[in-house]
Amino acid sequence: MSPVMIWVALAIVFVLLVIAKPSFLFICFAAGALIAALATVVTDSYLTQVVLFAVCSIAAIPVSRPLADRWSRSRNAGQ
């Protein structure tokens, strides 16, 4: 299996985890996996892909946290 397919499959697994157990953290990992999949076009280095996955996943947390809080508040307001 090609590296891009592995990263895409991993992103799909993280999206399925979000569906099974809603958590903004899994979305961050899915975004990181998709960015790592795009990185396979540029580099064949697995180390670079893994580092990019980790950095992008961690960087997505502070970005997505306010969005997740806003979504949670609007969802709970309707109850």
PDB file of N, CA and C in Angstrom:
ATOM      1  N   MET A   1       0.853  -1.172   0.000  1.00  0.00           N
ATOM      2  CA  MET A   1       0.000   0.000   0.000  1.00  0.00           C
ATOM      3  C   MET A   1       0.900   1.237   0.000  1.00  0.00           C
ATOM      4  N   SER A   2       0.519   2.234  -0.768  1.00  0.00           N
ATOM      5  CA  SER A   2       1.334   3.437  -0.872  1.00  0.00           C
ATOM      6  C   SER A   2       1.198   4.295   0.394  1.00  0.00           C
ATOM      7  N   PRO A   3       2.189   5.110   0.683  1.00  0.00           N
ATOM      8  CA  PRO A   3       2.129   5.956   1.878  1.00  0.00           C
ATOM      9  C   PRO A   3       0.936   6.902   1.885  1.00  0.00           C
ATOM     10  N   VAL A   4       0.571   7.425   0.725  1.00  0.00           N
ATOM     11  CA  VAL A   4      -0.574   8.342   0.699  1.00  0.00           C
ATOM     12  C   VAL A   4      -1.854   7.608   1.090  1.00  0.00           C
ATOM     13  N   MET A   5      -1.996   6.373   0.667  1.00  0.00           N
ATOM     14  CA  MET A   5      -3.180   5.591   1.027  1.00  0.00           C
ATOM     15  C   MET A   5      -3.191   5.265   2.516  1.00  0.00           C
ATOM     16  N   ILE A   6      -2.031   5.043   3.091  1.00  0.00           N
ATOM     17  CA  ILE A   6      -1.953   4.784   4.534  1.00  0.00           C
ATOM     18  C   ILE A   6      -2.406   6.007   5.307  1.00  0.00           C
ATOM     19  N   TRP A   7      -1.930   7.190   4.911  1.00  0.00           N
ATOM     20  CA  TRP A   7      -2.322   8.415   5.617  1.00  0.00           C
ATOM     21  C   TRP A   7      -3.813   8.709   5.435  1.00  0.00           C
ATOM     22  N   VAL A   8      -4.331   8.485   4.243  1.00  0.00           N
ATOM     23  CA  VAL A   8      -5.762   8.712   4.003  1.00  0.00           C
ATOM     24  C   VAL A   8      -6.593   7.727   4.821  1.00  0.00           C
ATOM     25  N   ALA A   9      -6.165   6.475   4.876  1.00  0.00           N
ATOM     26  CA  ALA A   9      -6.871   5.481   5.684  1.00  0.00           C
ATOM     27  C   ALA A   9      -6.849   5.871   7.159  1.00  0.00           C
ATOM     28  N   LEU A  10      -5.717   6.366   7.610  1.00  0.00           N
ATOM     29  CA  LEU A  10      -5.614   6.814   9.000  1.00  0.00           C
ATOM     30  C   LEU A  10      -6.556   7.991   9.255  1.00  0.00           C
ATOM     31  N   ALA A  11      -6.643   8.914   8.314  1.00  0.00           N
ATOM     32  CA  ALA A  11      -7.566  10.045   8.451  1.00  0.00           C
ATOM     33  C   ALA A  11      -9.007   9.555   8.527  1.00  0.00           C
ATOM     34  N   ILE A  12      -9.349   8.565   7.721  1.00  0.00           N
ATOM     35  CA  ILE A  12     -10.699   8.004   7.744  1.00  0.00           C
ATOM     36  C   ILE A  12     -10.986   7.356   9.088  1.00  0.00           C
ATOM     37  N   VAL A  13     -10.007   6.650   9.629  1.00  0.00           N
ATOM     38  CA  VAL A  13     -10.181   6.034  10.953  1.00  0.00           C
ATOM     39  C   VAL A  13     -10.446   7.103  12.009  1.00  0.00           C
ATOM     40  N   PHE A  14      -9.708   8.213  11.953  1.00  0.00           N
ATOM     41  CA  PHE A  14      -9.925   9.289  12.925  1.00  0.00           C
ATOM     42  C   PHE A  14     -11.302   9.922  12.753  1.00  0.00           C
ATOM     43  N   VAL A  15     -11.771  10.071  11.526  1.00  0.00           N
ATOM     44  CA  VAL A  15     -13.112  10.620  11.303  1.00  0.00           C
ATOM     45  C   VAL A  15     -14.165   9.651  11.841  1.00  0.00           C
ATOM     46  N   LEU A  16     -13.961   8.363  11.645  1.00  0.00           N
ATOM     47  CA  LEU A  16     -14.890   7.376  12.200  1.00  0.00           C
ATOM     48  C   LEU A  16     -14.891   7.414  13.728  1.00  0.00           C
ATOM     49  N   LEU A  17     -13.733   7.668  14.320  1.00  0.00           N
ATOM     50  CA  LEU A  17     -13.675   7.805  15.771  1.00  0.00           C
ATOM     51  C   LEU A  17     -14.443   9.038  16.245  1.00  0.00           C
ATOM     52  N   VAL A  18     -14.413  10.105  15.458  1.00  0.00           N
ATOM     53  CA  VAL A  18     -15.189  11.301  15.803  1.00  0.00           C
ATOM     54  C   VAL A  18     -16.674  10.974  15.772  1.00  0.00           C
ATOM     55  N   ILE A  19     -17.085  10.190  14.800  1.00  0.00           N
ATOM     56  CA  ILE A  19     -18.497   9.804  14.705  1.00  0.00           C
ATOM     57  C   ILE A  19     -18.883   8.909  15.875  1.00  0.00           C
ATOM     58  N   ALA A  20     -18.007   7.985  16.231  1.00  0.00           N
ATOM     59  CA  ALA A  20     -18.299   7.050  17.319  1.00  0.00           C
ATOM     60  C   ALA A  20     -18.255   7.727  18.685  1.00  0.00           C
ATOM     61  N   LYS A  21     -17.286   8.585  18.890  1.00  0.00           N
ATOM     62  CA  LYS A  21     -17.128   9.275  20.163  1.00  0.00           C
ATOM     63  C   LYS A  21     -16.730  10.708  19.863  1.00  0.00           C
ATOM     64  N   PRO A  22     -17.704  11.603  19.815  1.00  0.00           N
ATOM     65  CA  PRO A  22     -17.397  12.990  19.443  1.00  0.00           C
ATOM     66  C   PRO A  22     -16.311  13.609  20.327  1.00  0.00           C
ATOM     67  N   SER A  23     -15.215  13.954  19.691  1.00  0.00           N
ATOM     68  CA  SER A  23     -14.094  14.575  20.372  1.00  0.00           C
ATOM     69  C   SER A  23     -13.337  15.409  19.347  1.00  0.00           C
ATOM     70  N   PHE A  24     -13.102  16.660  19.674  1.00  0.00           N
ATOM     71  CA  PHE A  24     -12.415  17.524  18.726  1.00  0.00           C
ATOM     72  C   PHE A  24     -10.981  17.063  18.486  1.00  0.00           C
ATOM     73  N   LEU A  25     -10.423  16.307  19.403  1.00  0.00           N
ATOM     74  CA  LEU A  25      -9.049  15.861  19.276  1.00  0.00           C
ATOM     75  C   LEU A  25      -8.852  14.937  18.067  1.00  0.00           C
ATOM     76  N   PHE A  26      -9.816  14.067  17.813  1.00  0.00           N
ATOM     77  CA  PHE A  26      -9.708  13.161  16.674  1.00  0.00           C
ATOM     78  C   PHE A  26      -9.750  13.917  15.354  1.00  0.00           C
ATOM     79  N   ILE A  27     -10.488  15.016  15.301  1.00  0.00           N
ATOM     80  CA  ILE A  27     -10.516  15.840  14.097  1.00  0.00           C
ATOM     81  C   ILE A  27      -9.137  16.434  13.840  1.00  0.00           C
ATOM     82  N   CYS A  28      -8.456  16.836  14.907  1.00  0.00           N
ATOM     83  CA  CYS A  28      -7.100  17.377  14.762  1.00  0.00           C
ATOM     84  C   CYS A  28      -6.163  16.322  14.182  1.00  0.00           C
ATOM     85  N   PHE A  29      -6.292  15.089  14.657  1.00  0.00           N
ATOM     86  CA  PHE A  29      -5.466  14.012  14.125  1.00  0.00           C
ATOM     87  C   PHE A  29      -5.814  13.715  12.668  1.00  0.00           C
ATOM     88  N   ALA A  30      -7.092  13.782  12.319  1.00  0.00           N
ATOM     89  CA  ALA A  30      -7.496  13.560  10.934  1.00  0.00           C
ATOM     90  C   ALA A  30      -6.906  14.633  10.023  1.00  0.00           C
ATOM     91  N   ALA A  31      -6.926  15.870  10.474  1.00  0.00           N
ATOM     92  CA  ALA A  31      -6.336  16.958   9.686  1.00  0.00           C
ATOM     93  C   ALA A  31      -4.835  16.742   9.518  1.00  0.00           C
ATOM     94  N   GLY A  32      -4.162  16.345  10.575  1.00  0.00           N
ATOM     95  CA  GLY A  32      -2.733  16.073  10.489  1.00  0.00           C
ATOM     96  C   GLY A  32      -2.428  14.935   9.530  1.00  0.00           C
ATOM     97  N   ALA A  33      -3.265  13.914   9.531  1.00  0.00           N
ATOM     98  CA  ALA A  33      -3.051  12.781   8.624  1.00  0.00           C
ATOM     99  C   ALA A  33      -3.255  13.197   7.172  1.00  0.00           C
ATOM    100  N   LEU A  34      -4.237  14.050   6.920  1.00  0.00           N
ATOM    101  CA  LEU A  34      -4.449  14.517   5.554  1.00  0.00           C
ATOM    102  C   LEU A  34      -3.290  15.394   5.070  1.00  0.00           C
ATOM    103  N   ILE A  35      -2.759  16.217   5.947  1.00  0.00           N
ATOM    104  CA  ILE A  35      -1.608  17.043   5.578  1.00  0.00           C
ATOM    105  C   ILE A  35      -0.380  16.161   5.336  1.00  0.00           C
ATOM    106  N   ALA A  36      -0.209  15.131   6.140  1.00  0.00           N
ATOM    107  CA  ALA A  36       0.897  14.194   5.913  1.00  0.00           C
ATOM    108  C   ALA A  36       0.706  13.461   4.591  1.00  0.00           C
ATOM    109  N   ALA A  37      -0.535  13.155   4.229  1.00  0.00           N
ATOM    110  CA  ALA A  37      -0.799  12.518   2.934  1.00  0.00           C
ATOM    111  C   ALA A  37      -0.392  13.444   1.790  1.00  0.00           C
ATOM    112  N   LEU A  38      -0.681  14.729   1.950  1.00  0.00           N
ATOM    113  CA  LEU A  38      -0.251  15.694   0.932  1.00  0.00           C
ATOM    114  C   LEU A  38       1.266  15.802   0.877  1.00  0.00           C
ATOM    115  N   ALA A  39       1.912  15.624   2.007  1.00  0.00           N
ATOM    116  CA  ALA A  39       3.374  15.714   2.060  1.00  0.00           C
ATOM    117  C   ALA A  39       4.051  14.580   1.298  1.00  0.00           C
ATOM    118  N   THR A  40       3.348  13.473   1.113  1.00  0.00           N
ATOM    119  CA  THR A  40       3.944  12.359   0.369  1.00  0.00           C
ATOM    120  C   THR A  40       4.209  12.733  -1.085  1.00  0.00           C
ATOM    121  N   VAL A  41       3.500  13.747  -1.575  1.00  0.00           N
ATOM    122  CA  VAL A  41       3.736  14.215  -2.943  1.00  0.00           C
ATOM    123  C   VAL A  41       5.101  14.891  -3.037  1.00  0.00           C
ATOM    124  N   VAL A  42       5.504  15.546  -1.950  1.00  0.00           N
ATOM    125  CA  VAL A  42       6.736  16.328  -1.932  1.00  0.00           C
ATOM    126  C   VAL A  42       7.942  15.499  -1.489  1.00  0.00           C
ATOM    127  N   THR A  43       7.741  14.615  -0.517  1.00  0.00           N
ATOM    128  CA  THR A  43       8.873  13.887   0.058  1.00  0.00           C
ATOM    129  C   THR A  43       8.537  12.412   0.245  1.00  0.00           C
ATOM    130  N   ASP A  44       9.570  11.588   0.178  1.00  0.00           N
ATOM    131  CA  ASP A  44       9.419  10.160   0.452  1.00  0.00           C
ATOM    132  C   ASP A  44       9.860   9.806   1.864  1.00  0.00           C
ATOM    133  N   SER A  45      10.321  10.797   2.607  1.00  0.00           N
ATOM    134  CA  SER A  45      10.838  10.561   3.947  1.00  0.00           C
ATOM    135  C   SER A  45       9.695  10.314   4.936  1.00  0.00           C
ATOM    136  N   TYR A  46       9.676   9.117   5.508  1.00  0.00           N
ATOM    137  CA  TYR A  46       8.645   8.803   6.497  1.00  0.00           C
ATOM    138  C   TYR A  46       8.805   9.661   7.745  1.00  0.00           C
ATOM    139  N   LEU A  47      10.041   9.957   8.110  1.00  0.00           N
ATOM    140  CA  LEU A  47      10.283  10.794   9.283  1.00  0.00           C
ATOM    141  C   LEU A  47       9.668  12.181   9.087  1.00  0.00           C
ATOM    142  N   THR A  48       9.852  12.751   7.926  1.00  0.00           N
ATOM    143  CA  THR A  48       9.268  14.057   7.635  1.00  0.00           C
ATOM    144  C   THR A  48       7.751  13.995   7.682  1.00  0.00           C
ATOM    145  N   GLN A  49       7.177  12.947   7.159  1.00  0.00           N
ATOM    146  CA  GLN A  49       5.724  12.796   7.168  1.00  0.00           C
ATOM    147  C   GLN A  49       5.194  12.667   8.593  1.00  0.00           C
ATOM    148  N   VAL A  50       5.862  11.873   9.415  1.00  0.00           N
ATOM    149  CA  VAL A  50       5.417  11.676  10.800  1.00  0.00           C
ATOM    150  C   VAL A  50       5.570  12.961  11.603  1.00  0.00           C
ATOM    151  N   VAL A  51       6.682  13.668  11.409  1.00  0.00           N
ATOM    152  CA  VAL A  51       6.884  14.932  12.118  1.00  0.00           C
ATOM    153  C   VAL A  51       5.830  15.942  11.684  1.00  0.00           C
ATOM    154  N   LEU A  52       5.545  16.011  10.395  1.00  0.00           N
ATOM    155  CA  LEU A  52       4.523  16.921   9.898  1.00  0.00           C
ATOM    156  C   LEU A  52       3.150  16.560  10.457  1.00  0.00           C
ATOM    157  N   PHE A  53       2.843  15.269  10.529  1.00  0.00           N
ATOM    158  CA  PHE A  53       1.584  14.813  11.134  1.00  0.00           C
ATOM    159  C   PHE A  53       1.493  15.285  12.579  1.00  0.00           C
ATOM    160  N   ALA A  54       2.548  15.082  13.346  1.00  0.00           N
ATOM    161  CA  ALA A  54       2.535  15.462  14.762  1.00  0.00           C
ATOM    162  C   ALA A  54       2.415  16.973  14.939  1.00  0.00           C
ATOM    163  N   VAL A  55       3.204  17.725  14.193  1.00  0.00           N
ATOM    164  CA  VAL A  55       3.190  19.184  14.328  1.00  0.00           C
ATOM    165  C   VAL A  55       1.828  19.754  13.922  1.00  0.00           C
ATOM    166  N   CYS A  56       1.297  19.291  12.811  1.00  0.00           N
ATOM    167  CA  CYS A  56       0.002  19.809  12.348  1.00  0.00           C
ATOM    168  C   CYS A  56      -1.133  19.394  13.275  1.00  0.00           C
ATOM    169  N   SER A  57      -1.078  18.188  13.802  1.00  0.00           N
ATOM    170  CA  SER A  57      -2.116  17.747  14.739  1.00  0.00           C
ATOM    171  C   SER A  57      -2.092  18.586  16.014  1.00  0.00           C
ATOM    172  N   ILE A  58      -0.901  18.822  16.536  1.00  0.00           N
ATOM    173  CA  ILE A  58      -0.774  19.623  17.755  1.00  0.00           C
ATOM    174  C   ILE A  58      -1.160  21.074  17.479  1.00  0.00           C
ATOM    175  N   ALA A  59      -0.770  21.596  16.328  1.00  0.00           N
ATOM    176  CA  ALA A  59      -1.109  22.980  15.987  1.00  0.00           C
ATOM    177  C   ALA A  59      -2.604  23.160  15.768  1.00  0.00           C
ATOM    178  N   ALA A  60      -3.299  22.123  15.364  1.00  0.00           N
ATOM    179  CA  ALA A  60      -4.744  22.222  15.126  1.00  0.00           C
ATOM    180  C   ALA A  60      -5.542  22.276  16.425  1.00  0.00           C
ATOM    181  N   ILE A  61      -4.963  21.836  17.517  1.00  0.00           N
ATOM    182  CA  ILE A  61      -5.707  21.810  18.787  1.00  0.00           C
ATOM    183  C   ILE A  61      -6.126  23.206  19.241  1.00  0.00           C
ATOM    184  N   PRO A  62      -5.206  24.181  19.360  1.00  0.00           N
ATOM    185  CA  PRO A  62      -5.652  25.508  19.803  1.00  0.00           C
ATOM    186  C   PRO A  62      -6.562  26.198  18.785  1.00  0.00           C
ATOM    187  N   VAL A  63      -6.458  25.811  17.524  1.00  0.00           N
ATOM    188  CA  VAL A  63      -7.324  26.402  16.505  1.00  0.00           C
ATOM    189  C   VAL A  63      -8.738  25.834  16.599  1.00  0.00           C
ATOM    190  N   SER A  64      -8.833  24.535  16.807  1.00  0.00           N
ATOM    191  CA  SER A  64     -10.149  23.899  16.812  1.00  0.00           C
ATOM    192  C   SER A  64     -10.859  23.973  18.162  1.00  0.00           C
ATOM    193  N   ARG A  65     -10.134  24.209  19.220  1.00  0.00           N
ATOM    194  CA  ARG A  65     -10.757  24.223  20.545  1.00  0.00           C
ATOM    195  C   ARG A  65     -11.862  25.283  20.665  1.00  0.00           C
ATOM    196  N   PRO A  66     -11.627  26.543  20.258  1.00  0.00           N
ATOM    197  CA  PRO A  66     -12.715  27.523  20.340  1.00  0.00           C
ATOM    198  C   PRO A  66     -13.919  27.143  19.470  1.00  0.00           C
ATOM    199  N   LEU A  67     -13.657  26.549  18.323  1.00  0.00           N
ATOM    200  CA  LEU A  67     -14.761  26.111  17.466  1.00  0.00           C
ATOM    201  C   LEU A  67     -15.562  24.997  18.130  1.00  0.00           C
ATOM    202  N   ALA A  68     -14.870  24.066  18.769  1.00  0.00           N
ATOM    203  CA  ALA A  68     -15.547  22.973  19.459  1.00  0.00           C
ATOM    204  C   ALA A  68     -16.347  23.492  20.644  1.00  0.00           C
ATOM    205  N   ASP A  69     -15.799  24.457  21.371  1.00  0.00           N
ATOM    206  CA  ASP A  69     -16.534  25.038  22.497  1.00  0.00           C
ATOM    207  C   ASP A  69     -17.792  25.759  22.023  1.00  0.00           C
ATOM    208  N   ARG A  70     -17.663  26.529  20.949  1.00  0.00           N
ATOM    209  CA  ARG A  70     -18.808  27.253  20.404  1.00  0.00           C
ATOM    210  C   ARG A  70     -19.871  26.281  19.927  1.00  0.00           C
ATOM    211  N   TRP A  71     -19.472  25.204  19.258  1.00  0.00           N
ATOM    212  CA  TRP A  71     -20.413  24.210  18.780  1.00  0.00           C
ATOM    213  C   TRP A  71     -21.108  23.520  19.951  1.00  0.00           C
ATOM    214  N   SER A  72     -20.348  23.219  20.987  1.00  0.00           N
ATOM    215  CA  SER A  72     -20.911  22.554  22.162  1.00  0.00           C
ATOM    216  C   SER A  72     -21.918  23.450  22.876  1.00  0.00           C
ATOM    217  N   ARG A  73     -21.585  24.739  23.007  1.00  0.00           N
ATOM    218  CA  ARG A  73     -22.514  25.671  23.664  1.00  0.00           C
ATOM    219  C   ARG A  73     -23.799  25.826  22.858  1.00  0.00           C
ATOM    220  N   SER A  74     -23.692  25.949  21.546  1.00  0.00           N
ATOM    221  CA  SER A  74     -24.892  26.124  20.723  1.00  0.00           C
ATOM    222  C   SER A  74     -25.733  24.853  20.733  1.00  0.00           C
ATOM    223  N   ARG A  75     -25.099  23.723  20.819  1.00  0.00           N
ATOM    224  CA  ARG A  75     -25.833  22.452  20.856  1.00  0.00           C
ATOM    225  C   ARG A  75     -26.552  22.283  22.198  1.00  0.00           C
ATOM    226  N   ASN A  76     -25.901  22.693  23.285  1.00  0.00           N
ATOM    227  CA  ASN A  76     -26.514  22.571  24.608  1.00  0.00           C
ATOM    228  C   ASN A  76     -27.566  23.644  24.857  1.00  0.00           C
ATOM    229  N   ALA A  77     -27.518  24.754  24.150  1.00  0.00           N
ATOM    230  CA  ALA A  77     -28.490  25.824  24.321  1.00  0.00           C
ATOM    231  C   ALA A  77     -29.875  25.393  23.855  1.00  0.00           C
ATOM    232  N   GLY A  78     -29.929  24.490  22.914  1.00  0.00           N
ATOM    233  CA  GLY A  78     -31.204  24.025  22.390  1.00  0.00           C
ATOM    234  C   GLY A  78     -31.913  23.030  23.282  1.00  0.00           C
ATOM    235  N   GLN A  79     -31.281  22.597  24.338  1.00  0.00           N
ATOM    236  CA  GLN A  79     -31.888  21.572  25.206  1.00  0.00           C
ATOM    237  C   GLN A  79     -32.726  22.168  26.274  1.00  0.00           C
TER     238      GLN A  79
END
